[in-house]
Amino acid sequence: MSRKPMVRPGGRSARVQEAVHTAVRELQAELGRAELTIPLVAARAGVTPSTIYRRWGDLQELLSDVAVENLRPDTPPRAHGNLAADLRSWAEQFIEEMASPVGRAYIRDALLGAPEGDNAARCSEYAAEQIGVVLARAAERGEGAPGVELVLDRVVAPMMYRILFRPGGLTADYARGLVDGLLDDSAAGR
């Protein structure tokens, strides 16, 4: 069974989670990932190692939880006035962030956590929420738009496959091409 931190807004749980996440990020920057241990993280965060083991289970699950938090978008996608421009911009930013060495490391960590795939599902939901914002804006402007799942299948899935398995050629042009292909097919009624 996966151990997920049950964090209440505010309170001690949130403070502990923030302290531990901050300690992980700082220690990774200072020492590198290979040197990270739960006792080091606990000491930096001001908690006992048993607190970390109780909440996260092991170092990999902790790194996965930190990765998922780092993959969560900070802001809604920028609006550019039409669906094509909004989706292209979002896809370009997504590929730039996720294909970076840091982005790929976070993706790997997120996928190696929770055996049931909970962390991967959270990451997928982040993308779906961002796409949902773009599509809702298009609907408000009266533009026809594909569904969220279709955008995930036709734009996000190919990018993630390439990021994980074939990282060459991950450019803004590649991202725009996926969006344009989806929109061309949607306009043609396929």
N, C-alpha and C. Protein backbone atom coordinates (compact mmCIF):
# COMPACT_ATOMS: atom_id res chain seq x y z
N MET A 1 0.84 -1.18 0.00
CA MET A 1 0.00 0.00 0.00
C MET A 1 0.89 1.24 0.00
N SER A 2 0.54 2.20 -0.82
CA SER A 2 1.30 3.45 -0.91
C SER A 2 1.03 4.31 0.31
N ARG A 3 2.05 4.94 0.78
CA ARG A 3 1.89 5.87 1.88
C ARG A 3 1.83 7.27 1.33
N LYS A 4 0.71 7.89 1.47
CA LYS A 4 0.53 9.25 0.97
C LYS A 4 0.38 10.17 2.16
N PRO A 5 1.10 11.25 2.16
CA PRO A 5 0.90 12.19 3.25
C PRO A 5 -0.49 12.79 3.17
N MET A 6 -1.20 12.68 4.25
CA MET A 6 -2.53 13.27 4.33
C MET A 6 -2.34 14.66 4.94
N VAL A 7 -2.37 15.65 4.11
CA VAL A 7 -2.04 16.99 4.56
C VAL A 7 -3.31 17.83 4.65
N ARG A 8 -3.51 18.36 5.84
CA ARG A 8 -4.61 19.31 6.02
C ARG A 8 -4.07 20.68 5.65
N PRO A 9 -4.93 21.52 5.11
CA PRO A 9 -4.47 22.89 4.84
C PRO A 9 -4.03 23.52 6.15
N GLY A 10 -2.84 24.05 6.16
CA GLY A 10 -2.30 24.64 7.39
C GLY A 10 -1.97 23.55 8.39
N GLY A 11 -1.76 23.91 9.60
CA GLY A 11 -1.51 22.94 10.65
C GLY A 11 -0.13 22.32 10.57
N ARG A 12 0.14 21.44 11.53
CA ARG A 12 1.44 20.80 11.64
C ARG A 12 1.77 19.95 10.42
N SER A 13 0.81 19.20 9.89
CA SER A 13 1.07 18.35 8.73
C SER A 13 1.60 19.15 7.55
N ALA A 14 0.99 20.28 7.29
CA ALA A 14 1.43 21.12 6.18
C ALA A 14 2.83 21.68 6.45
N ARG A 15 3.07 22.08 7.69
CA ARG A 15 4.40 22.61 8.03
C ARG A 15 5.48 21.54 7.90
N VAL A 16 5.19 20.34 8.35
CA VAL A 16 6.15 19.24 8.23
C VAL A 16 6.40 18.93 6.76
N GLN A 17 5.34 18.83 5.98
CA GLN A 17 5.51 18.53 4.56
C GLN A 17 6.36 19.59 3.88
N GLU A 18 6.08 20.85 4.15
CA GLU A 18 6.85 21.93 3.53
C GLU A 18 8.32 21.88 3.97
N ALA A 19 8.56 21.64 5.25
CA ALA A 19 9.94 21.57 5.75
C ALA A 19 10.70 20.41 5.11
N VAL A 20 10.06 19.28 4.99
CA VAL A 20 10.71 18.10 4.40
C VAL A 20 10.94 18.33 2.90
N HIS A 21 9.96 18.84 2.19
CA HIS A 21 10.13 19.12 0.76
C HIS A 21 11.25 20.13 0.54
N THR A 22 11.28 21.17 1.36
CA THR A 22 12.34 22.17 1.23
C THR A 22 13.70 21.55 1.49
N ALA A 23 13.79 20.71 2.51
CA ALA A 23 15.05 20.04 2.82
C ALA A 23 15.51 19.17 1.65
N VAL A 24 14.60 18.44 1.04
CA VAL A 24 14.95 17.61 -0.11
C VAL A 24 15.51 18.47 -1.24
N ARG A 25 14.81 19.54 -1.57
CA ARG A 25 15.26 20.41 -2.67
C ARG A 25 16.64 21.02 -2.37
N GLU A 26 16.82 21.51 -1.15
CA GLU A 26 18.09 22.11 -0.77
C GLU A 26 19.23 21.09 -0.81
N LEU A 27 19.00 19.93 -0.23
CA LEU A 27 20.05 18.91 -0.19
C LEU A 27 20.38 18.37 -1.57
N GLN A 28 19.39 18.23 -2.42
CA GLN A 28 19.66 17.81 -3.79
C GLN A 28 20.55 18.83 -4.49
N ALA A 29 20.28 20.11 -4.27
CA ALA A 29 21.08 21.16 -4.89
C ALA A 29 22.50 21.19 -4.33
N GLU A 30 22.63 20.96 -3.05
CA GLU A 30 23.94 21.03 -2.40
C GLU A 30 24.78 19.77 -2.60
N LEU A 31 24.17 18.60 -2.43
CA LEU A 31 24.91 17.35 -2.39
C LEU A 31 24.71 16.47 -3.62
N GLY A 32 23.62 16.68 -4.30
CA GLY A 32 23.24 15.79 -5.40
C GLY A 32 22.33 14.69 -4.89
N ARG A 33 21.60 14.14 -5.77
CA ARG A 33 20.59 13.15 -5.41
C ARG A 33 21.20 11.88 -4.82
N ALA A 34 22.34 11.45 -5.34
CA ALA A 34 22.96 10.20 -4.90
C ALA A 34 23.33 10.22 -3.42
N GLU A 35 23.57 11.39 -2.87
CA GLU A 35 23.98 11.52 -1.47
C GLU A 35 22.81 11.68 -0.51
N LEU A 36 21.61 11.79 -1.03
CA LEU A 36 20.44 12.04 -0.20
C LEU A 36 20.11 10.80 0.64
N THR A 37 19.83 11.03 1.91
CA THR A 37 19.35 9.97 2.80
C THR A 37 18.23 10.53 3.65
N ILE A 38 17.41 9.66 4.16
CA ILE A 38 16.32 10.11 5.03
C ILE A 38 16.87 10.77 6.29
N PRO A 39 17.91 10.23 6.95
CA PRO A 39 18.43 10.94 8.12
C PRO A 39 18.92 12.36 7.79
N LEU A 40 19.57 12.55 6.64
CA LEU A 40 20.00 13.90 6.26
C LEU A 40 18.80 14.83 6.05
N VAL A 41 17.80 14.34 5.35
CA VAL A 41 16.60 15.14 5.10
C VAL A 41 15.92 15.49 6.42
N ALA A 42 15.80 14.49 7.30
CA ALA A 42 15.14 14.71 8.59
C ALA A 42 15.88 15.77 9.41
N ALA A 43 17.20 15.65 9.44
CA ALA A 43 17.98 16.62 10.21
C ALA A 43 17.79 18.03 9.65
N ARG A 44 17.82 18.17 8.33
CA ARG A 44 17.66 19.50 7.72
C ARG A 44 16.25 20.03 7.97
N ALA A 45 15.26 19.16 7.93
CA ALA A 45 13.86 19.59 8.09
C ALA A 45 13.47 19.80 9.55
N GLY A 46 14.30 19.31 10.47
CA GLY A 46 13.97 19.46 11.89
C GLY A 46 12.92 18.47 12.36
N VAL A 47 12.90 17.29 11.74
CA VAL A 47 11.97 16.24 12.15
C VAL A 47 12.79 14.96 12.38
N THR A 48 12.15 13.97 12.92
CA THR A 48 12.84 12.69 13.13
C THR A 48 12.73 11.84 11.86
N PRO A 49 13.71 10.97 11.64
CA PRO A 49 13.58 10.06 10.49
C PRO A 49 12.29 9.25 10.53
N SER A 50 11.84 8.88 11.73
CA SER A 50 10.61 8.08 11.82
C SER A 50 9.41 8.87 11.29
N THR A 51 9.42 10.18 11.41
CA THR A 51 8.34 11.00 10.85
C THR A 51 8.30 10.82 9.33
N ILE A 52 9.45 10.85 8.70
CA ILE A 52 9.51 10.69 7.24
C ILE A 52 9.11 9.28 6.85
N TYR A 53 9.63 8.27 7.55
CA TYR A 53 9.27 6.89 7.22
C TYR A 53 7.77 6.66 7.40
N ARG A 54 7.20 7.23 8.45
CA ARG A 54 5.77 7.05 8.71
C ARG A 54 4.92 7.70 7.61
N ARG A 55 5.32 8.88 7.14
CA ARG A 55 4.52 9.60 6.14
C ARG A 55 4.79 9.15 4.72
N TRP A 56 6.04 8.87 4.39
CA TRP A 56 6.38 8.58 2.99
C TRP A 56 6.83 7.15 2.75
N GLY A 57 7.21 6.45 3.79
CA GLY A 57 7.60 5.05 3.62
C GLY A 57 9.07 4.86 3.30
N ASP A 58 9.56 5.49 2.27
CA ASP A 58 10.96 5.36 1.90
C ASP A 58 11.40 6.59 1.10
N LEU A 59 12.67 6.64 0.80
CA LEU A 59 13.23 7.81 0.11
C LEU A 59 12.61 7.98 -1.28
N GLN A 60 12.41 6.89 -2.00
CA GLN A 60 11.86 7.00 -3.35
C GLN A 60 10.46 7.61 -3.33
N GLU A 61 9.64 7.20 -2.39
CA GLU A 61 8.29 7.76 -2.30
C GLU A 61 8.34 9.25 -1.93
N LEU A 62 9.28 9.61 -1.06
CA LEU A 62 9.46 11.02 -0.71
C LEU A 62 9.89 11.82 -1.94
N LEU A 63 10.88 11.31 -2.68
CA LEU A 63 11.32 12.00 -3.89
C LEU A 63 10.19 12.11 -4.91
N SER A 64 9.37 11.09 -4.99
CA SER A 64 8.23 11.11 -5.90
C SER A 64 7.24 12.20 -5.49
N ASP A 65 6.97 12.30 -4.20
CA ASP A 65 6.03 13.31 -3.71
C ASP A 65 6.56 14.71 -3.99
N VAL A 66 7.85 14.92 -3.77
CA VAL A 66 8.46 16.22 -4.05
C VAL A 66 8.38 16.52 -5.55
N ALA A 67 8.64 15.51 -6.37
CA ALA A 67 8.58 15.70 -7.83
C ALA A 67 7.19 16.11 -8.27
N VAL A 68 6.17 15.44 -7.75
CA VAL A 68 4.80 15.76 -8.13
C VAL A 68 4.47 17.20 -7.76
N GLU A 69 4.89 17.64 -6.59
CA GLU A 69 4.65 19.02 -6.20
C GLU A 69 5.37 19.99 -7.13
N ASN A 70 6.59 19.64 -7.55
CA ASN A 70 7.34 20.51 -8.45
C ASN A 70 6.76 20.53 -9.86
N LEU A 71 6.06 19.48 -10.24
CA LEU A 71 5.45 19.42 -11.57
C LEU A 71 4.11 20.14 -11.63
N ARG A 72 3.55 20.49 -10.49
CA ARG A 72 2.26 21.19 -10.48
C ARG A 72 2.45 22.61 -11.01
N PRO A 73 1.65 23.00 -12.01
CA PRO A 73 1.77 24.37 -12.55
C PRO A 73 1.44 25.41 -11.49
N ASP A 74 2.16 26.51 -11.55
CA ASP A 74 1.95 27.60 -10.60
C ASP A 74 0.84 28.55 -11.03
N THR A 75 0.63 28.65 -12.33
CA THR A 75 -0.34 29.62 -12.86
C THR A 75 -1.16 28.96 -13.96
N PRO A 76 -2.32 29.53 -14.25
CA PRO A 76 -3.09 29.02 -15.39
C PRO A 76 -2.36 29.35 -16.69
N PRO A 77 -2.68 28.63 -17.76
CA PRO A 77 -2.05 28.93 -19.05
C PRO A 77 -2.37 30.36 -19.49
N ARG A 78 -1.43 30.96 -20.18
CA ARG A 78 -1.65 32.33 -20.68
C ARG A 78 -2.67 32.31 -21.81
N ALA A 79 -3.45 33.35 -21.88
CA ALA A 79 -4.44 33.50 -22.94
C ALA A 79 -3.83 34.32 -24.08
N HIS A 80 -4.03 33.85 -25.31
CA HIS A 80 -3.49 34.55 -26.48
C HIS A 80 -4.57 34.94 -27.48
N GLY A 81 -5.83 34.71 -27.14
CA GLY A 81 -6.92 35.21 -27.96
C GLY A 81 -7.63 34.20 -28.83
N ASN A 82 -7.01 33.03 -29.08
CA ASN A 82 -7.72 31.99 -29.83
C ASN A 82 -7.18 30.62 -29.43
N LEU A 83 -7.95 29.60 -29.73
CA LEU A 83 -7.62 28.24 -29.31
C LEU A 83 -6.26 27.80 -29.84
N ALA A 84 -6.00 28.01 -31.10
CA ALA A 84 -4.73 27.55 -31.68
C ALA A 84 -3.54 28.18 -30.97
N ALA A 85 -3.57 29.48 -30.78
CA ALA A 85 -2.46 30.18 -30.13
C ALA A 85 -2.33 29.74 -28.67
N ASP A 86 -3.45 29.58 -27.99
CA ASP A 86 -3.41 29.16 -26.58
C ASP A 86 -2.82 27.75 -26.44
N LEU A 87 -3.30 26.82 -27.27
CA LEU A 87 -2.80 25.44 -27.19
C LEU A 87 -1.34 25.34 -27.61
N ARG A 88 -0.97 26.06 -28.66
CA ARG A 88 0.44 26.04 -29.09
C ARG A 88 1.34 26.56 -27.98
N SER A 89 0.97 27.67 -27.38
CA SER A 89 1.77 28.26 -26.31
C SER A 89 1.89 27.29 -25.13
N TRP A 90 0.77 26.69 -24.76
CA TRP A 90 0.79 25.75 -23.63
C TRP A 90 1.69 24.56 -23.97
N ALA A 91 1.56 24.00 -25.16
CA ALA A 91 2.35 22.83 -25.55
C ALA A 91 3.84 23.17 -25.61
N GLU A 92 4.17 24.35 -26.11
CA GLU A 92 5.58 24.78 -26.17
C GLU A 92 6.16 24.88 -24.77
N GLN A 93 5.42 25.49 -23.86
CA GLN A 93 5.91 25.62 -22.48
C GLN A 93 6.03 24.25 -21.83
N PHE A 94 5.05 23.39 -22.04
CA PHE A 94 5.05 22.05 -21.47
C PHE A 94 6.29 21.28 -21.92
N ILE A 95 6.55 21.27 -23.22
CA ILE A 95 7.68 20.50 -23.73
C ILE A 95 9.01 21.10 -23.25
N GLU A 96 9.07 22.41 -23.18
CA GLU A 96 10.31 23.05 -22.71
C GLU A 96 10.60 22.66 -21.26
N GLU A 97 9.59 22.71 -20.42
CA GLU A 97 9.78 22.39 -19.00
C GLU A 97 10.02 20.91 -18.78
N MET A 98 9.19 20.07 -19.40
CA MET A 98 9.27 18.64 -19.14
C MET A 98 10.48 17.97 -19.80
N ALA A 99 10.93 18.50 -20.92
CA ALA A 99 12.06 17.90 -21.63
C ALA A 99 13.40 18.36 -21.07
N SER A 100 13.39 19.34 -20.18
CA SER A 100 14.64 19.79 -19.57
C SER A 100 15.18 18.67 -18.67
N PRO A 101 16.46 18.67 -18.38
CA PRO A 101 17.00 17.64 -17.48
C PRO A 101 16.27 17.60 -16.13
N VAL A 102 15.96 18.76 -15.58
CA VAL A 102 15.24 18.79 -14.31
C VAL A 102 13.83 18.22 -14.48
N GLY A 103 13.15 18.61 -15.54
CA GLY A 103 11.80 18.10 -15.80
C GLY A 103 11.79 16.59 -15.96
N ARG A 104 12.74 16.07 -16.74
CA ARG A 104 12.80 14.61 -16.93
C ARG A 104 13.09 13.89 -15.61
N ALA A 105 13.95 14.47 -14.78
CA ALA A 105 14.23 13.86 -13.47
C ALA A 105 12.97 13.85 -12.60
N TYR A 106 12.22 14.95 -12.61
CA TYR A 106 10.97 14.97 -11.84
C TYR A 106 9.97 13.94 -12.37
N ILE A 107 9.87 13.82 -13.67
CA ILE A 107 8.95 12.83 -14.25
C ILE A 107 9.34 11.43 -13.80
N ARG A 108 10.63 11.11 -13.92
CA ARG A 108 11.09 9.77 -13.49
C ARG A 108 10.78 9.53 -12.02
N ASP A 109 11.07 10.53 -11.18
CA ASP A 109 10.78 10.37 -9.75
C ASP A 109 9.28 10.19 -9.50
N ALA A 110 8.48 10.99 -10.17
CA ALA A 110 7.02 10.87 -9.98
C ALA A 110 6.54 9.48 -10.37
N LEU A 111 7.06 8.94 -11.45
CA LEU A 111 6.63 7.62 -11.91
C LEU A 111 7.13 6.50 -11.03
N LEU A 112 8.25 6.69 -10.34
CA LEU A 112 8.80 5.64 -9.49
C LEU A 112 8.16 5.59 -8.11
N GLY A 113 7.35 6.56 -7.79
CA GLY A 113 6.67 6.56 -6.50
C GLY A 113 5.49 5.62 -6.51
N ALA A 114 4.56 5.86 -5.68
CA ALA A 114 3.33 5.10 -5.50
C ALA A 114 3.12 3.99 -6.53
N PRO A 115 3.26 2.74 -6.11
CA PRO A 115 3.10 1.62 -7.05
C PRO A 115 1.74 1.58 -7.75
N GLU A 116 0.73 2.14 -7.13
CA GLU A 116 -0.61 2.15 -7.74
C GLU A 116 -0.74 3.22 -8.81
N GLY A 117 0.28 4.04 -9.01
CA GLY A 117 0.23 5.06 -10.03
C GLY A 117 -0.43 6.35 -9.61
N ASP A 118 -0.62 6.53 -8.30
CA ASP A 118 -1.30 7.73 -7.80
C ASP A 118 -0.57 9.00 -8.21
N ASN A 119 0.75 9.00 -8.12
CA ASN A 119 1.49 10.21 -8.45
C ASN A 119 1.45 10.51 -9.94
N ALA A 120 1.53 9.48 -10.76
CA ALA A 120 1.40 9.68 -12.21
C ALA A 120 0.02 10.24 -12.53
N ALA A 121 -1.00 9.73 -11.85
CA ALA A 121 -2.36 10.23 -12.07
C ALA A 121 -2.48 11.69 -11.67
N ARG A 122 -1.81 12.08 -10.58
CA ARG A 122 -1.84 13.50 -10.17
C ARG A 122 -1.19 14.37 -11.25
N CYS A 123 -0.07 13.91 -11.79
CA CYS A 123 0.60 14.68 -12.85
C CYS A 123 -0.28 14.79 -14.08
N SER A 124 -0.94 13.71 -14.44
CA SER A 124 -1.84 13.72 -15.58
C SER A 124 -2.99 14.70 -15.33
N GLU A 125 -3.47 14.73 -14.11
CA GLU A 125 -4.57 15.64 -13.79
C GLU A 125 -4.12 17.10 -13.90
N TYR A 126 -2.87 17.39 -13.56
CA TYR A 126 -2.37 18.75 -13.72
C TYR A 126 -2.46 19.17 -15.18
N ALA A 127 -2.02 18.30 -16.08
CA ALA A 127 -2.08 18.62 -17.52
C ALA A 127 -3.54 18.76 -17.96
N ALA A 128 -4.40 17.85 -17.51
CA ALA A 128 -5.82 17.91 -17.89
C ALA A 128 -6.46 19.21 -17.41
N GLU A 129 -6.12 19.64 -16.21
CA GLU A 129 -6.68 20.89 -15.70
C GLU A 129 -6.23 22.09 -16.54
N GLN A 130 -4.95 22.12 -16.89
CA GLN A 130 -4.43 23.21 -17.71
C GLN A 130 -5.11 23.23 -19.08
N ILE A 131 -5.24 22.07 -19.69
CA ILE A 131 -5.90 21.97 -20.99
C ILE A 131 -7.37 22.37 -20.86
N GLY A 132 -8.00 21.97 -19.78
CA GLY A 132 -9.39 22.34 -19.53
C GLY A 132 -9.58 23.85 -19.50
N VAL A 133 -8.62 24.56 -18.91
CA VAL A 133 -8.69 26.03 -18.87
C VAL A 133 -8.63 26.58 -20.29
N VAL A 134 -7.71 26.07 -21.10
CA VAL A 134 -7.57 26.54 -22.48
C VAL A 134 -8.86 26.27 -23.26
N LEU A 135 -9.41 25.08 -23.11
CA LEU A 135 -10.62 24.72 -23.86
C LEU A 135 -11.84 25.50 -23.37
N ALA A 136 -11.91 25.78 -22.08
CA ALA A 136 -13.03 26.58 -21.56
C ALA A 136 -12.97 28.00 -22.12
N ARG A 137 -11.78 28.54 -22.22
CA ARG A 137 -11.65 29.88 -22.82
C ARG A 137 -12.13 29.86 -24.26
N ALA A 138 -11.76 28.82 -24.99
CA ALA A 138 -12.18 28.71 -26.39
C ALA A 138 -13.71 28.65 -26.47
N ALA A 139 -14.31 27.87 -25.58
CA ALA A 139 -15.77 27.75 -25.57
C ALA A 139 -16.42 29.09 -25.26
N GLU A 140 -15.84 29.85 -24.34
CA GLU A 140 -16.37 31.18 -24.01
C GLU A 140 -16.31 32.12 -25.20
N ARG A 141 -15.33 31.93 -26.07
CA ARG A 141 -15.19 32.77 -27.27
C ARG A 141 -16.03 32.23 -28.42
N GLY A 142 -16.70 31.09 -28.21
CA GLY A 142 -17.53 30.51 -29.25
C GLY A 142 -16.75 29.65 -30.24
N GLU A 143 -15.52 29.30 -29.91
CA GLU A 143 -14.72 28.46 -30.80
C GLU A 143 -15.03 26.99 -30.54
N GLY A 144 -15.09 26.21 -31.59
CA GLY A 144 -15.20 24.76 -31.44
C GLY A 144 -13.86 24.24 -30.94
N ALA A 145 -13.91 23.27 -30.06
CA ALA A 145 -12.67 22.74 -29.50
C ALA A 145 -12.79 21.25 -29.27
N PRO A 146 -11.68 20.54 -29.38
CA PRO A 146 -11.69 19.11 -29.05
C PRO A 146 -11.84 18.94 -27.54
N GLY A 147 -12.09 17.73 -27.11
CA GLY A 147 -12.19 17.45 -25.68
C GLY A 147 -10.83 17.32 -25.03
N VAL A 148 -10.83 17.42 -23.72
CA VAL A 148 -9.58 17.30 -22.96
C VAL A 148 -8.88 15.98 -23.25
N GLU A 149 -9.60 14.88 -23.24
CA GLU A 149 -8.99 13.57 -23.46
C GLU A 149 -8.33 13.47 -24.83
N LEU A 150 -8.95 14.07 -25.84
CA LEU A 150 -8.36 14.05 -27.17
C LEU A 150 -7.06 14.85 -27.20
N VAL A 151 -7.02 15.97 -26.53
CA VAL A 151 -5.79 16.76 -26.46
C VAL A 151 -4.72 15.98 -25.70
N LEU A 152 -5.10 15.32 -24.64
CA LEU A 152 -4.13 14.48 -23.91
C LEU A 152 -3.57 13.39 -24.82
N ASP A 153 -4.46 12.72 -25.56
CA ASP A 153 -4.04 11.63 -26.44
C ASP A 153 -3.18 12.10 -27.61
N ARG A 154 -3.54 13.22 -28.20
CA ARG A 154 -2.89 13.64 -29.45
C ARG A 154 -1.72 14.60 -29.25
N VAL A 155 -1.68 15.29 -28.11
CA VAL A 155 -0.62 16.27 -27.88
C VAL A 155 0.28 15.85 -26.72
N VAL A 156 -0.30 15.63 -25.56
CA VAL A 156 0.50 15.33 -24.38
C VAL A 156 1.14 13.95 -24.46
N ALA A 157 0.37 12.94 -24.82
CA ALA A 157 0.92 11.58 -24.84
C ALA A 157 2.13 11.44 -25.76
N PRO A 158 2.08 11.94 -26.99
CA PRO A 158 3.29 11.83 -27.83
C PRO A 158 4.48 12.59 -27.25
N MET A 159 4.23 13.75 -26.66
CA MET A 159 5.34 14.49 -26.06
C MET A 159 5.95 13.70 -24.90
N MET A 160 5.10 13.14 -24.05
CA MET A 160 5.62 12.38 -22.91
C MET A 160 6.39 11.14 -23.37
N TYR A 161 5.89 10.47 -24.39
CA TYR A 161 6.60 9.31 -24.91
C TYR A 161 7.99 9.72 -25.38
N ARG A 162 8.04 10.80 -26.15
CA ARG A 162 9.33 11.28 -26.67
C ARG A 162 10.23 11.73 -25.53
N ILE A 163 9.70 12.43 -24.55
CA ILE A 163 10.51 12.89 -23.42
C ILE A 163 11.14 11.71 -22.70
N LEU A 164 10.36 10.65 -22.49
CA LEU A 164 10.85 9.50 -21.73
C LEU A 164 11.72 8.56 -22.55
N PHE A 165 11.41 8.38 -23.83
CA PHE A 165 12.06 7.31 -24.59
C PHE A 165 12.85 7.75 -25.81
N ARG A 166 12.52 8.89 -26.39
CA ARG A 166 13.20 9.37 -27.60
C ARG A 166 13.39 10.87 -27.51
N PRO A 167 14.28 11.32 -26.62
CA PRO A 167 14.35 12.75 -26.31
C PRO A 167 14.90 13.66 -27.40
N GLY A 168 15.34 13.13 -28.49
CA GLY A 168 15.81 14.01 -29.57
C GLY A 168 14.65 14.71 -30.26
N GLY A 169 14.91 15.91 -30.74
CA GLY A 169 13.91 16.63 -31.54
C GLY A 169 12.77 17.22 -30.76
N LEU A 170 12.94 17.40 -29.48
CA LEU A 170 11.87 17.97 -28.65
C LEU A 170 11.94 19.49 -28.70
N THR A 171 11.36 20.02 -29.73
CA THR A 171 11.41 21.46 -29.98
C THR A 171 10.01 22.07 -29.91
N ALA A 172 9.99 23.38 -29.89
CA ALA A 172 8.72 24.09 -29.95
C ALA A 172 7.99 23.75 -31.26
N ASP A 173 8.74 23.58 -32.36
CA ASP A 173 8.12 23.20 -33.63
C ASP A 173 7.42 21.86 -33.53
N TYR A 174 8.04 20.91 -32.84
CA TYR A 174 7.41 19.60 -32.65
C TYR A 174 6.09 19.76 -31.88
N ALA A 175 6.11 20.52 -30.80
CA ALA A 175 4.90 20.73 -30.00
C ALA A 175 3.81 21.42 -30.82
N ARG A 176 4.19 22.47 -31.56
CA ARG A 176 3.21 23.16 -32.40
C ARG A 176 2.64 22.23 -33.47
N GLY A 177 3.48 21.37 -34.04
CA GLY A 177 3.01 20.42 -35.06
C GLY A 177 1.96 19.47 -34.51
N LEU A 178 2.14 19.01 -33.28
CA LEU A 178 1.13 18.14 -32.67
C LEU A 178 -0.19 18.88 -32.50
N VAL A 179 -0.12 20.11 -32.03
CA VAL A 179 -1.34 20.91 -31.85
C VAL A 179 -2.00 21.17 -33.19
N ASP A 180 -1.22 21.57 -34.19
CA ASP A 180 -1.79 21.88 -35.50
C ASP A 180 -2.43 20.64 -36.13
N GLY A 181 -1.78 19.48 -35.98
CA GLY A 181 -2.37 18.24 -36.51
C GLY A 181 -3.70 17.92 -35.85
N LEU A 182 -3.75 18.08 -34.54
CA LEU A 182 -5.00 17.84 -33.82
C LEU A 182 -6.09 18.80 -34.28
N LEU A 183 -5.76 20.08 -34.36
CA LEU A 183 -6.77 21.07 -34.75
C LEU A 183 -7.20 20.90 -36.19
N ASP A 184 -6.27 20.57 -37.09
CA ASP A 184 -6.62 20.31 -38.50
C ASP A 184 -7.58 19.12 -38.58
N ASP A 185 -7.29 18.05 -37.87
CA ASP A 185 -8.16 16.87 -37.89
C ASP A 185 -9.52 17.17 -37.29
N SER A 186 -9.52 17.97 -36.21
CA SER A 186 -10.79 18.32 -35.57
C SER A 186 -11.63 19.18 -36.49
N ALA A 187 -10.98 20.10 -37.19
CA ALA A 187 -11.73 20.98 -38.12
C ALA A 187 -12.29 20.20 -39.31
N ALA A 188 -11.57 19.15 -39.70
CA ALA A 188 -12.03 18.34 -40.82
C ALA A 188 -13.09 17.34 -40.39
N GLY A 189 -13.35 17.28 -39.09
CA GLY A 189 -14.42 16.41 -38.60
C GLY A 189 -14.01 14.95 -38.44
N ARG A 190 -12.72 14.71 -38.35
CA ARG A 190 -12.27 13.32 -38.18
C ARG A 190 -12.29 12.92 -36.74
